[in-house]
Amino acid sequence: MDVPHSMGTATLPEPPSRVVSLYQGSSDTLAALGIEPFGMVESWTQRPIYDYLGDRLGEPRMLGMETQPDLEGIGWLEPDLIVGVRYRHYEVYPLLNQIAPTLIARDVYDFRSLLTMLAKATGRDDRGQALQEQWEARVADFQYRIREKLGDNWPMEVAILSFRGDHARIYYQGFAKQVLSDLGFEAPPAHRKESWGIKLTSQESIPAMDADAIFIFMLDDPAVQRTYDDWTAHPLWQNLSAVRRDQVFLVDPITWNMGAGIIAAHRLLDDLYEHYELEDGVSGGCILC
């Protein structure tokens, strides 16, 4: 079986049983497909596996970090399939492909394409299709309900922000942007760019953050909290449209930014149903629950 990916085509003689995951999105997606990876890289926080994935991933061999996977450890596992992502594993792809057939996803945040690719590679097309259909059903349900609630105020322009220890960030692209776009949210005109985003080091740049609503994710860290407190106390922050309309939401950095798979996408959508006080008309049939 030939499976195309961003750097070529992987030839798999049969569905693999020893899969190695080298980034968080593929670990999430394998869990959704009901596959326990034989090996995987550690999560960015809540190490070694994000809490929201619970015991879905079994007890895989840990293979270092996403940015520097343990190539020797991968080789010792003798996997049938390795899954990576282009911007992390472009340079080591030739080495990985010598160990086992390797699939390289194009974008870390394109969870729907990743699901299709992994479902095909692992012989779980039916489950992959069911997961795609469930996502599309929830998207349609959410769009109907939020349109009914907001009326002429829909679609809403939203900004995605993150605070760090010494600066703030506006995200123009990324996992949260991908999910929000699926759901019908729009970016402010100034945020409609192809780059990942921008770092803001001066509070004078706060007006660039403005939108109808703002979603903020950040780590639980004292330095980050100080930055957040300082910036949000500034008069320019208080004058933002989203702030004045009480449309600023603090969200989970793991499911909104780090998870990058179909399960994390559903968790993000769960948050939006709750934020906008909407009834979820589809989750009762959730095949991920």
Protein backbone atom coordinates (compact mmCIF):
# COMPACT_ATOMS: atom_id res chain seq x y z
CA MET A 1 0.00 0.00 0.00
CA ASP A 2 1.35 3.42 -1.01
CA VAL A 3 0.55 6.40 1.23
CA PRO A 4 1.51 9.87 -0.07
CA HIS A 5 2.83 12.47 2.36
CA SER A 6 4.51 15.86 2.23
CA MET A 7 7.94 14.47 1.35
CA GLY A 8 7.12 11.56 -0.92
CA THR A 9 5.28 8.27 -0.71
CA ALA A 10 5.61 5.59 1.99
CA THR A 11 5.11 1.98 0.92
CA LEU A 12 3.54 -0.20 3.58
CA PRO A 13 3.14 -3.93 2.86
CA GLU A 14 0.37 -4.26 5.47
CA PRO A 15 -1.21 -2.22 8.27
CA PRO A 16 1.59 -1.50 10.79
CA SER A 17 1.53 -2.84 14.33
CA ARG A 18 4.57 -0.97 15.70
CA VAL A 19 3.95 2.74 15.10
CA VAL A 20 6.25 5.51 16.36
CA SER A 21 4.82 9.02 16.79
CA LEU A 22 7.22 11.97 16.69
CA TYR A 23 4.83 14.85 17.32
CA GLN A 24 1.82 15.62 19.45
CA GLY A 25 -0.73 15.77 16.65
CA SER A 26 0.05 12.26 15.47
CA SER A 27 -0.09 10.90 19.04
CA ASP A 28 -3.53 12.48 19.49
CA THR A 29 -4.72 11.14 16.12
CA LEU A 30 -3.45 7.62 16.75
CA ALA A 31 -5.37 7.64 20.03
CA ALA A 32 -8.53 8.69 18.18
CA LEU A 33 -8.05 5.80 15.76
CA GLY A 34 -7.71 3.38 18.67
CA ILE A 35 -4.00 2.74 18.15
CA GLU A 36 -1.47 2.65 20.98
CA PRO A 37 1.90 3.82 19.59
CA PHE A 38 4.88 1.54 20.20
CA GLY A 39 6.99 4.63 20.83
CA MET A 40 6.38 8.38 21.02
CA VAL A 41 7.99 11.68 21.96
CA GLU A 42 7.14 13.31 25.27
CA SER A 43 4.46 15.95 25.59
CA TRP A 44 5.54 19.57 26.05
CA THR A 45 4.05 19.71 29.54
CA GLN A 46 2.20 17.24 31.81
CA ARG A 47 5.00 14.90 30.80
CA PRO A 48 5.24 12.34 29.44
CA ILE A 49 1.64 12.23 28.05
CA TYR A 50 -1.00 14.96 28.14
CA ASP A 51 -3.67 14.36 30.75
CA TYR A 52 -6.50 14.76 28.24
CA LEU A 53 -5.32 11.65 26.40
CA GLY A 54 -5.54 9.64 29.62
CA ASP A 55 -4.73 5.99 29.08
CA ARG A 56 -5.60 6.00 25.37
CA LEU A 57 -1.93 5.69 24.40
CA GLY A 58 -1.03 2.72 26.60
CA GLU A 59 2.59 2.53 27.79
CA PRO A 60 4.77 3.48 24.81
CA ARG A 61 8.54 3.78 24.88
CA MET A 62 9.45 7.45 25.33
CA LEU A 63 11.76 8.81 22.64
CA GLY A 64 12.87 12.25 23.80
CA MET A 65 11.39 15.53 22.66
CA GLU A 66 9.60 16.45 19.45
CA THR A 67 12.44 18.81 18.53
CA GLN A 68 15.14 16.17 19.09
CA PRO A 69 13.81 12.60 18.94
CA ASP A 70 16.03 9.71 20.02
CA LEU A 71 16.99 8.22 16.65
CA GLU A 72 18.94 5.37 18.22
CA GLY A 73 15.98 4.50 20.42
CA ILE A 74 13.68 4.56 17.40
CA GLY A 75 15.99 2.15 15.60
CA TRP A 76 16.05 -0.26 18.53
CA LEU A 77 12.25 -0.44 18.47
CA GLU A 78 12.25 -1.71 14.87
CA PRO A 79 8.99 0.10 14.02
CA ASP A 80 6.74 -0.63 11.04
CA LEU A 81 5.82 3.05 10.63
CA ILE A 82 7.17 6.41 11.80
CA VAL A 83 5.08 9.58 11.76
CA GLY A 84 6.63 13.05 11.86
CA VAL A 85 5.89 16.59 10.69
CA ARG A 86 7.77 18.60 8.08
CA TYR A 87 8.89 21.64 10.08
CA ARG A 88 10.27 19.44 12.87
CA HIS A 89 11.68 16.47 11.01
CA TYR A 90 12.58 17.64 7.52
CA GLU A 91 16.33 17.22 8.07
CA VAL A 92 16.16 13.82 9.78
CA TYR A 93 13.61 12.36 7.36
CA PRO A 94 16.25 10.47 5.31
CA LEU A 95 17.54 8.82 8.50
CA LEU A 96 14.04 8.01 9.72
CA ASN A 97 13.10 6.54 6.34
CA GLN A 98 16.08 4.19 6.56
CA ILE A 99 14.72 2.83 9.84
CA ALA A 100 11.12 2.34 8.66
CA PRO A 101 8.57 3.77 6.21
CA THR A 102 8.01 7.34 7.37
CA LEU A 103 5.06 9.67 6.89
CA ILE A 104 5.74 13.39 7.19
CA ALA A 105 2.70 15.63 7.69
CA ARG A 106 2.87 18.97 5.92
CA ASP A 107 1.53 21.22 8.70
CA VAL A 108 1.48 20.60 12.42
CA TYR A 109 -2.02 22.06 12.70
CA ASP A 110 -3.83 20.41 9.76
CA PHE A 111 -5.54 17.78 11.90
CA ARG A 112 -8.07 16.71 9.26
CA SER A 113 -5.47 15.83 6.61
CA LEU A 114 -3.42 14.04 9.27
CA LEU A 115 -6.44 11.96 10.26
CA THR A 116 -7.07 10.93 6.65
CA MET A 117 -3.42 10.00 6.12
CA LEU A 118 -3.06 7.96 9.31
CA ALA A 119 -6.40 6.22 8.86
CA LYS A 120 -5.27 5.02 5.44
CA ALA A 121 -1.78 4.03 6.61
CA THR A 122 -3.08 1.99 9.55
CA GLY A 123 -5.93 0.28 7.72
CA ARG A 124 -8.59 2.13 9.70
CA ASP A 125 -10.30 4.04 6.91
CA ASP A 126 -13.78 3.30 8.26
CA ARG A 127 -12.99 4.73 11.68
CA GLY A 128 -11.21 7.67 10.11
CA GLN A 129 -14.25 8.41 7.98
CA ALA A 130 -16.53 8.14 11.01
CA LEU A 131 -14.31 10.60 12.88
CA GLN A 132 -14.37 13.03 9.94
CA GLU A 133 -18.15 12.81 9.71
CA GLN A 134 -18.55 13.36 13.43
CA TRP A 135 -16.38 16.46 13.26
CA GLU A 136 -18.34 17.84 10.31
CA ALA A 137 -21.61 17.19 12.15
CA ARG A 138 -20.44 19.07 15.24
CA VAL A 139 -19.13 21.95 13.09
CA ALA A 140 -22.51 22.25 11.35
CA ASP A 141 -24.34 22.09 14.68
CA PHE A 142 -22.13 24.76 16.26
CA GLN A 143 -22.45 27.06 13.24
CA TYR A 144 -26.24 26.78 13.28
CA ARG A 145 -26.51 27.46 17.01
CA ILE A 146 -24.07 30.37 17.19
CA ARG A 147 -25.63 31.96 14.11
CA GLU A 148 -29.03 31.72 15.78
CA LYS A 149 -27.66 33.30 18.96
CA LEU A 150 -25.51 36.09 17.51
CA GLY A 151 -27.58 36.98 14.46
CA ASP A 152 -26.02 39.88 12.55
CA ASN A 153 -22.96 39.74 14.83
CA TRP A 154 -21.93 36.46 13.18
CA PRO A 155 -19.40 35.72 11.81
CA MET A 156 -17.24 37.09 14.60
CA GLU A 157 -13.65 38.28 14.20
CA VAL A 158 -11.39 36.71 16.81
CA ALA A 159 -7.77 37.19 17.88
CA ILE A 160 -5.60 34.40 19.27
CA LEU A 161 -3.05 35.59 21.83
CA SER A 162 -0.41 34.07 24.07
CA PHE A 163 1.56 35.68 26.87
CA ARG A 164 5.13 34.63 27.62
CA GLY A 165 7.64 35.58 30.28
CA ASP A 166 8.94 38.64 28.43
CA HIS A 167 6.51 39.32 25.56
CA ALA A 168 3.09 38.67 24.07
CA ARG A 169 2.18 36.96 20.82
CA ILE A 170 -0.53 37.25 18.22
CA TYR A 171 -1.09 34.03 16.27
CA TYR A 172 -2.01 34.44 12.61
CA GLN A 173 -1.79 30.69 11.92
CA GLY A 174 -1.75 27.56 14.03
CA PHE A 175 -3.96 24.82 15.41
CA ALA A 176 -6.47 27.11 17.14
CA LYS A 177 -6.71 29.25 13.99
CA GLN A 178 -7.38 26.14 11.90
CA VAL A 179 -10.19 24.95 14.18
CA LEU A 180 -11.74 28.40 14.53
CA SER A 181 -11.69 28.84 10.75
CA ASP A 182 -13.44 25.47 10.36
CA LEU A 183 -16.14 26.75 12.70
CA GLY A 184 -16.67 29.96 10.75
CA PHE A 185 -14.81 32.48 12.89
CA GLU A 186 -12.76 35.07 11.03
CA ALA A 187 -9.50 36.85 11.77
CA PRO A 188 -9.30 40.65 11.91
CA PRO A 189 -8.01 41.98 8.56
CA ALA A 190 -4.61 42.81 10.07
CA HIS A 191 -4.23 39.17 11.23
CA ARG A 192 -4.93 37.57 7.84
CA LYS A 193 -1.34 36.68 7.07
CA GLU A 194 0.50 33.50 6.08
CA SER A 195 3.20 33.75 8.76
CA TRP A 196 2.77 32.02 12.13
CA GLY A 197 2.24 35.36 13.90
CA ILE A 198 4.16 38.13 15.62
CA LYS A 199 5.94 38.79 18.90
CA LEU A 200 5.02 42.02 20.68
CA THR A 201 7.62 43.36 23.08
CA SER A 202 6.09 46.78 23.73
CA GLN A 203 2.72 47.51 25.33
CA GLU A 204 2.31 50.27 22.77
CA SER A 205 1.48 47.42 20.34
CA ILE A 206 -1.62 46.36 22.31
CA PRO A 207 -4.07 47.93 19.79
CA ALA A 208 -2.86 45.35 17.23
CA MET A 209 -4.56 42.68 19.37
CA ASP A 210 -8.07 44.04 18.95
CA ALA A 211 -10.96 41.93 17.66
CA ASP A 212 -14.59 41.16 18.46
CA ALA A 213 -13.38 38.42 20.82
CA ILE A 214 -9.97 37.38 22.16
CA PHE A 215 -8.82 33.90 23.11
CA ILE A 216 -5.70 33.68 25.28
CA PHE A 217 -3.61 30.63 26.12
CA MET A 218 -0.53 30.68 28.32
CA LEU A 219 1.43 28.40 30.60
CA ASP A 220 0.99 28.36 34.37
CA ASP A 221 4.22 30.15 35.19
CA PRO A 222 4.90 33.13 37.53
CA ALA A 223 6.82 35.09 34.87
CA VAL A 224 4.04 34.55 32.35
CA GLN A 225 1.43 35.62 34.88
CA ARG A 226 3.36 38.84 35.58
CA THR A 227 3.47 39.66 31.88
CA TYR A 228 -0.25 38.99 31.58
CA ASP A 229 -1.06 41.12 34.64
CA ASP A 230 1.10 44.01 33.44
CA TRP A 231 -0.27 44.06 29.91
CA THR A 232 -3.93 43.62 30.83
CA ALA A 233 -3.72 46.43 33.39
CA HIS A 234 -2.61 48.88 30.69
CA PRO A 235 -5.15 51.50 29.53
CA LEU A 236 -4.65 50.42 25.91
CA TRP A 237 -5.76 46.91 26.84
CA GLN A 238 -8.78 48.23 28.69
CA ASN A 239 -9.77 50.12 25.55
CA LEU A 240 -9.85 47.05 23.28
CA SER A 241 -13.29 46.24 21.85
CA ALA A 242 -13.21 42.65 23.10
CA VAL A 243 -12.29 43.80 26.62
CA ARG A 244 -15.01 46.43 26.74
CA ARG A 245 -17.57 43.87 25.54
CA ASP A 246 -16.37 41.21 28.03
CA GLN A 247 -15.33 38.89 25.20
CA VAL A 248 -11.91 37.82 26.45
CA PHE A 249 -11.50 34.12 27.24
CA LEU A 250 -8.61 32.30 28.90
CA VAL A 251 -8.31 28.83 27.36
CA ASP A 252 -6.30 25.64 27.84
CA PRO A 253 -2.89 25.97 26.11
CA ILE A 254 -2.68 22.20 25.64
CA THR A 255 -5.89 21.59 23.73
CA TRP A 256 -5.85 25.01 22.02
CA ASN A 257 -2.22 24.93 20.90
CA MET A 258 -0.20 21.83 21.73
CA GLY A 259 -2.49 18.84 21.14
CA ALA A 260 -2.98 19.47 17.40
CA GLY A 261 -5.13 16.40 16.72
CA ILE A 262 -8.80 15.53 16.29
CA ILE A 263 -9.36 14.87 20.01
CA ALA A 264 -7.87 18.26 20.93
CA ALA A 265 -10.07 19.85 18.25
CA HIS A 266 -13.16 18.40 19.91
CA ARG A 267 -11.96 19.68 23.30
CA LEU A 268 -11.52 23.15 21.82
CA LEU A 269 -15.03 22.99 20.39
CA ASP A 270 -16.35 21.87 23.79
CA ASP A 271 -14.91 25.09 25.23
CA LEU A 272 -16.66 27.18 22.61
CA TYR A 273 -20.05 25.58 23.29
CA GLU A 274 -19.51 26.45 26.95
CA HIS A 275 -18.22 29.99 26.33
CA TYR A 276 -21.20 30.89 24.19
CA GLU A 277 -23.68 28.94 26.35
CA LEU A 278 -24.86 26.81 23.45
CA GLU A 279 -26.48 23.40 23.63
CA ASP A 280 -24.32 20.71 22.04
CA GLY A 281 -26.64 18.74 19.78
CA VAL A 282 -24.14 16.13 18.60
CA SER A 283 -21.76 15.13 21.40
CA GLY A 284 -24.20 12.53 22.74
CA GLY A 285 -23.02 10.34 19.89
CA CYS A 286 -19.32 11.09 20.36
CA ILE A 287 -17.24 8.10 19.31
CA LEU A 288 -14.26 9.59 21.14
CA CYS A 289 -16.02 9.71 24.53
